[in-house]
């Protein structure tokens, strides 16, 4: 279990170690190829030390890694500006806590996101009015300038659903998400309409877990599973708490949460029935 920056260092290091081994190199041989001491390679591979994007490129060149998507992902984990889509949130460093910045970083690089939501609409699907009401309620006494900035960040995050290729979003929503009136009746009606529109996108899958389903495996709280292109070794589970986030990287944790999500999908309404259910709630049922 690690906090965000540490988990990314560990995952980047593990991936680089695997690529070195695949290239048939020892850590000492890799170090000589790039002009470093062997201890630097070891610190990077174990996640003890961070690594600059330029150094990642040196290692990838030494390991003859040509796949552009894999290179972009690994360089991005080291902090590269990537293709311009990554790290746009640096402009908001003054209002975003480190854990939130790291979550956005993972989200921007992921190819897939599975999320269980038990209280609020997923941030990637929120309307501006809904996002404002949720943010105001979550952060007591927030001044208007910071509130505006946090809402803009929430909306900017949604670009991952419009990128090429877009993030594949699968969300299971507890019925409480749909029933809780956030920002007033009109705001909630528009938010439900937004969910209905988003659910028709080919890369968005929504399922509702109705109250009638009773107690379920996700009742202890929401979670997010990020998946990454090319390798499952970078997948990570994120658990949010009021003042921090926890990142789970062990294969046992990933398997447990993946199985839990599959169970939630099994007990939830089908995507088609979920749309009908959301429409009925929007219309006052």
Protein backbone atom coordinates (compact mmCIF):
# COMPACT_ATOMS: atom_id res chain seq x y z
CA UNK A 1 0.00 0.00 0.00
CA UNK A 2 1.52 3.31 -1.06
CA UNK A 3 0.60 6.93 -1.49
CA UNK A 4 0.40 8.15 -5.06
CA UNK A 5 3.91 9.40 -5.89
CA UNK A 6 5.52 6.34 -4.25
CA UNK A 7 3.29 3.86 -6.04
CA UNK A 8 4.11 5.43 -9.38
CA UNK A 9 7.87 5.24 -8.66
CA UNK A 10 7.54 1.59 -7.70
CA UNK A 11 5.49 0.72 -10.76
CA UNK A 12 7.80 2.61 -13.09
CA UNK A 13 10.81 0.92 -11.53
CA UNK A 14 9.27 -2.53 -11.82
CA UNK A 15 8.43 -1.98 -15.48
CA UNK A 16 11.93 -0.73 -16.26
CA UNK A 17 13.40 -3.73 -14.46
CA UNK A 18 11.27 -6.07 -16.58
CA UNK A 19 12.31 -4.33 -19.79
CA UNK A 20 15.97 -4.56 -18.80
CA UNK A 21 15.63 -8.28 -18.12
CA UNK A 22 13.84 -8.75 -21.46
CA UNK A 23 16.78 -7.03 -23.15
CA UNK A 24 19.12 -9.57 -21.55
CA UNK A 25 21.03 -6.99 -19.51
CA UNK A 26 22.19 -6.93 -15.91
CA UNK A 27 21.75 -3.71 -13.95
CA UNK A 28 25.51 -3.15 -14.19
CA UNK A 29 25.48 -3.56 -17.97
CA UNK A 30 22.52 -1.19 -18.27
CA UNK A 31 24.32 1.37 -16.15
CA UNK A 32 27.42 1.21 -18.33
CA UNK A 33 25.36 1.68 -21.49
CA UNK A 34 23.91 4.98 -20.21
CA UNK A 35 27.00 6.12 -18.32
CA UNK A 36 25.69 5.73 -14.76
CA UNK A 37 26.71 3.91 -11.63
CA UNK A 38 24.94 0.58 -11.09
CA UNK A 39 23.46 1.84 -7.81
CA UNK A 40 21.45 4.49 -9.67
CA UNK A 41 19.78 1.85 -11.82
CA UNK A 42 19.01 -0.21 -8.71
CA UNK A 43 17.48 2.75 -6.87
CA UNK A 44 15.27 3.53 -9.85
CA UNK A 45 14.15 -0.07 -10.28
CA UNK A 46 13.25 -0.45 -6.59
CA UNK A 47 11.37 2.86 -6.50
CA UNK A 48 13.69 4.33 -3.89
CA UNK A 49 14.65 7.21 -6.17
CA UNK A 50 12.63 9.22 -8.61
CA UNK A 51 13.79 9.45 -12.20
CA UNK A 52 13.74 12.26 -14.74
CA UNK A 53 11.84 11.77 -18.01
CA UNK A 54 15.10 12.21 -19.96
CA UNK A 55 16.70 9.39 -17.94
CA UNK A 56 13.76 7.10 -18.66
CA UNK A 57 14.28 7.79 -22.36
CA UNK A 58 17.96 6.85 -22.02
CA UNK A 59 17.05 3.53 -20.43
CA UNK A 60 14.34 2.79 -22.99
CA UNK A 61 16.81 3.49 -25.79
CA UNK A 62 19.34 1.17 -24.15
CA UNK A 63 16.68 -1.55 -23.88
CA UNK A 64 15.61 -0.96 -27.50
CA UNK A 65 12.02 -0.19 -26.55
CA UNK A 66 10.39 1.26 -29.67
CA UNK A 67 6.67 1.02 -28.84
CA UNK A 68 5.58 4.71 -28.78
CA UNK A 69 2.61 4.11 -26.48
CA UNK A 70 4.68 2.25 -23.92
CA UNK A 71 7.40 4.89 -24.07
CA UNK A 72 4.87 7.68 -23.58
CA UNK A 73 3.29 5.90 -20.63
CA UNK A 74 6.59 5.28 -18.84
CA UNK A 75 7.94 8.75 -19.54
CA UNK A 76 4.63 10.13 -18.32
CA UNK A 77 4.96 8.25 -15.05
CA UNK A 78 8.30 9.99 -14.57
CA UNK A 79 6.70 13.39 -15.02
CA UNK A 80 6.96 14.20 -18.70
CA UNK A 81 4.74 16.76 -20.31
CA UNK A 82 3.96 14.00 -22.79
CA UNK A 83 1.73 14.94 -25.68
CA UNK A 84 0.43 18.16 -24.13
CA UNK A 85 -2.54 16.46 -22.53
CA UNK A 86 -0.53 15.40 -19.47
CA UNK A 87 0.18 17.76 -16.58
CA UNK A 88 -2.22 20.53 -17.59
CA UNK A 89 -3.18 20.59 -13.90
CA UNK A 90 0.18 22.14 -12.93
CA UNK A 91 -1.49 25.51 -13.46
CA UNK A 92 -3.69 24.70 -10.46
CA UNK A 93 -0.94 23.57 -8.07
CA UNK A 94 -1.90 26.29 -5.59
CA UNK A 95 -5.35 24.79 -4.97
CA UNK A 96 -4.86 21.07 -5.62
CA UNK A 97 -3.47 18.84 -2.86
CA UNK A 98 -0.70 16.43 -3.95
CA UNK A 99 -2.95 13.35 -3.72
CA UNK A 100 -5.48 14.93 -6.08
CA UNK A 101 -2.75 15.91 -8.54
CA UNK A 102 -1.47 12.36 -8.57
CA UNK A 103 -4.97 10.96 -9.08
CA UNK A 104 -5.41 13.23 -12.11
CA UNK A 105 -2.02 12.13 -13.41
CA UNK A 106 -3.02 8.47 -13.25
CA UNK A 107 -6.41 9.24 -14.78
CA UNK A 108 -4.84 11.10 -17.70
CA UNK A 109 -2.54 8.19 -18.54
CA UNK A 110 -4.94 5.30 -17.97
CA UNK A 111 -6.67 3.45 -20.77
CA UNK A 112 -9.51 2.23 -18.56
CA UNK A 113 -11.25 3.21 -15.35
CA UNK A 114 -13.69 1.11 -13.34
CA UNK A 115 -15.40 2.90 -10.49
CA UNK A 116 -17.96 2.18 -7.83
CA UNK A 117 -19.73 5.33 -6.64
CA UNK A 118 -21.92 5.23 -3.55
CA UNK A 119 -22.60 8.93 -2.87
CA UNK A 120 -21.97 11.20 -5.85
CA UNK A 121 -21.87 11.12 -9.63
CA UNK A 122 -18.38 10.26 -10.97
CA UNK A 123 -16.35 13.41 -11.52
CA UNK A 124 -15.88 12.63 -15.21
CA UNK A 125 -19.65 12.80 -15.73
CA UNK A 126 -20.59 15.78 -13.57
CA UNK A 127 -22.20 18.93 -14.93
CA UNK A 128 -20.69 22.27 -13.95
CA UNK A 129 -23.57 23.08 -11.56
CA UNK A 130 -23.43 19.68 -9.91
CA UNK A 131 -19.64 19.82 -9.59
CA UNK A 132 -19.89 23.23 -7.95
CA UNK A 133 -22.49 22.07 -5.44
CA UNK A 134 -20.53 18.92 -4.56
CA UNK A 135 -17.26 20.80 -4.17
CA UNK A 136 -18.83 23.49 -2.01
CA UNK A 137 -20.31 20.84 0.27
CA UNK A 138 -17.11 18.78 0.46
CA UNK A 139 -14.77 21.65 1.33
CA UNK A 140 -16.24 23.81 4.07
CA UNK A 141 -15.58 27.55 3.92
CA UNK A 142 -13.93 27.47 0.50
CA UNK A 143 -13.44 30.93 -0.97
CA UNK A 144 -15.06 31.58 -4.33
CA UNK A 145 -11.77 31.85 -6.25
CA UNK A 146 -10.61 28.42 -5.13
CA UNK A 147 -14.08 26.98 -5.66
CA UNK A 148 -14.06 28.23 -9.24
CA UNK A 149 -10.61 26.71 -9.81
CA UNK A 150 -11.59 23.30 -8.42
CA UNK A 151 -14.70 23.22 -10.60
CA UNK A 152 -12.61 24.08 -13.67
CA UNK A 153 -10.25 21.24 -12.82
CA UNK A 154 -13.17 18.83 -12.47
CA UNK A 155 -14.45 19.82 -15.91
CA UNK A 156 -11.00 19.77 -17.51
CA UNK A 157 -10.52 16.19 -16.28
CA UNK A 158 -13.41 15.18 -18.52
CA UNK A 159 -11.24 15.69 -21.60
CA UNK A 160 -10.02 12.10 -21.16
CA UNK A 161 -13.43 11.00 -22.43
CA UNK A 162 -12.92 13.06 -25.59
CA UNK A 163 -9.30 12.19 -26.28
CA UNK A 164 -8.13 9.80 -29.00
CA UNK A 165 -8.32 7.09 -27.88
CA UNK A 166 -10.74 7.98 -25.09
CA UNK A 167 -10.64 6.58 -21.59
CA UNK A 168 -12.87 3.50 -21.29
CA UNK A 169 -15.13 4.31 -18.32
CA UNK A 170 -17.21 1.67 -16.54
CA UNK A 171 -19.19 2.90 -13.56
CA UNK A 172 -21.48 1.17 -11.10
CA UNK A 173 -23.69 3.72 -9.34
CA UNK A 174 -25.51 2.99 -6.13
CA UNK A 175 -29.10 4.23 -6.32
CA UNK A 176 -28.25 6.75 -3.60
CA UNK A 177 -26.14 8.61 -6.17
CA UNK A 178 -29.25 9.20 -8.25
CA UNK A 179 -31.65 9.92 -5.40
CA UNK A 180 -29.52 12.42 -3.48
CA UNK A 181 -30.58 15.92 -4.53
CA UNK A 182 -27.39 17.91 -5.03
CA UNK A 183 -27.72 21.61 -5.83
CA UNK A 184 -31.49 21.54 -6.04
CA UNK A 185 -34.05 19.76 -8.18
CA UNK A 186 -33.24 21.47 -11.48
CA UNK A 187 -29.51 20.88 -11.11
CA UNK A 188 -30.18 17.23 -10.37
CA UNK A 189 -32.49 16.83 -13.35
CA UNK A 190 -29.81 18.20 -15.66
CA UNK A 191 -27.23 15.95 -14.05
CA UNK A 192 -29.36 12.86 -14.63
CA UNK A 193 -29.88 13.95 -18.23
CA UNK A 194 -26.09 14.21 -18.57
CA UNK A 195 -25.72 10.64 -17.33
CA UNK A 196 -28.22 9.43 -19.89
CA UNK A 197 -26.36 11.21 -22.69
CA UNK A 198 -22.96 9.94 -21.55
CA UNK A 199 -24.20 6.36 -21.33
CA UNK A 200 -24.77 6.35 -25.09
CA UNK A 201 -21.06 6.93 -25.76
CA UNK A 202 -19.40 3.70 -26.93
CA UNK A 203 -16.64 3.97 -24.33
CA UNK A 204 -18.91 4.66 -21.34
CA UNK A 205 -20.82 1.90 -19.54
CA UNK A 206 -23.15 2.76 -16.65
CA UNK A 207 -24.95 0.35 -14.37
CA UNK A 208 -27.21 1.15 -11.45
CA UNK A 209 -27.16 -0.87 -8.25
CA UNK A 210 -30.72 -0.42 -6.95
CA UNK A 211 -31.67 -0.32 -3.29
CA UNK A 212 -33.54 -3.58 -3.89
CA UNK A 213 -30.19 -5.31 -4.36
CA UNK A 214 -29.69 -4.97 -0.62
CA UNK A 215 -26.28 -5.10 1.03
CA UNK A 216 -23.41 -5.58 -1.40
CA UNK A 217 -19.66 -6.04 -1.42
CA UNK A 218 -19.04 -2.35 -2.13
CA UNK A 219 -21.06 -1.10 0.83
CA UNK A 220 -17.87 -0.20 2.70
CA UNK A 221 -17.11 2.58 0.26
CA UNK A 222 -16.30 3.70 -3.29
CA UNK A 223 -13.16 2.75 -5.18
CA UNK A 224 -11.48 3.23 -8.53
CA UNK A 225 -9.45 0.74 -10.57
CA UNK A 226 -7.15 2.25 -13.19
CA UNK A 227 -5.92 0.12 -16.07
CA UNK A 228 -3.06 1.07 -18.36
CA UNK A 229 -2.20 0.19 -21.95
CA UNK A 230 0.38 -2.45 -22.80
CA UNK A 231 0.86 -3.82 -19.28
CA UNK A 232 -1.33 -4.81 -16.33
CA UNK A 233 1.65 -4.36 -13.99
CA UNK A 234 0.83 -0.66 -13.76
CA UNK A 235 -2.82 -1.14 -12.76
CA UNK A 236 -3.75 0.41 -9.42
CA UNK A 237 -6.72 0.67 -7.05
CA UNK A 238 -7.47 4.04 -5.46
CA UNK A 239 -9.39 4.45 -2.22
CA UNK A 240 -10.40 7.98 -1.23
CA UNK A 241 -10.61 9.25 2.31
CA UNK A 242 -11.53 12.69 3.58
CA UNK A 243 -7.95 13.96 3.81
CA UNK A 244 -5.96 11.49 1.72
CA UNK A 245 -6.00 8.70 -0.84
CA UNK A 246 -4.57 5.21 -0.66
CA UNK A 247 -3.12 3.42 -3.66
CA UNK A 248 -3.14 -0.38 -3.73
CA UNK A 249 -0.72 -2.02 -6.12
CA UNK A 250 -0.29 -5.61 -4.96
CA UNK A 251 -1.63 -8.23 -7.37
CA UNK A 252 -3.72 -9.70 -4.56
CA UNK A 253 -5.40 -6.34 -3.97
CA UNK A 254 -5.99 -5.77 -7.67
CA UNK A 255 -7.51 -9.22 -8.03
CA UNK A 256 -9.74 -8.75 -4.98
CA UNK A 257 -11.09 -5.41 -6.14
CA UNK A 258 -11.51 -6.62 -9.72
CA UNK A 259 -13.53 -9.57 -8.48
CA UNK A 260 -15.57 -7.27 -6.25
CA UNK A 261 -16.30 -4.99 -9.20
CA UNK A 262 -17.36 -7.96 -11.32
CA UNK A 263 -19.73 -9.04 -8.55
CA UNK A 264 -21.20 -5.55 -8.35
CA UNK A 265 -21.81 -5.54 -12.09
CA UNK A 266 -23.52 -8.92 -11.82
CA UNK A 267 -25.95 -7.66 -9.16
CA UNK A 268 -26.52 -4.29 -10.83
CA UNK A 269 -29.10 -3.61 -13.51
CA UNK A 270 -28.04 -4.13 -17.10
CA UNK A 271 -26.84 -1.00 -18.94
CA UNK A 272 -30.16 -0.77 -20.82
CA UNK A 273 -32.29 -1.25 -17.70
CA UNK A 274 -30.03 1.22 -15.88
CA UNK A 275 -30.84 3.90 -18.46
CA UNK A 276 -34.53 3.29 -17.98
CA UNK A 277 -34.07 3.47 -14.21
CA UNK A 278 -32.18 6.77 -14.41
CA UNK A 279 -34.81 8.22 -16.76
CA UNK A 280 -37.58 7.20 -14.38
CA UNK A 281 -35.88 8.89 -11.44
CA UNK A 282 -35.30 12.00 -13.53
CA UNK A 283 -38.99 12.05 -14.42
CA UNK A 284 -40.00 11.85 -10.77
CA UNK A 285 -40.49 8.14 -10.17
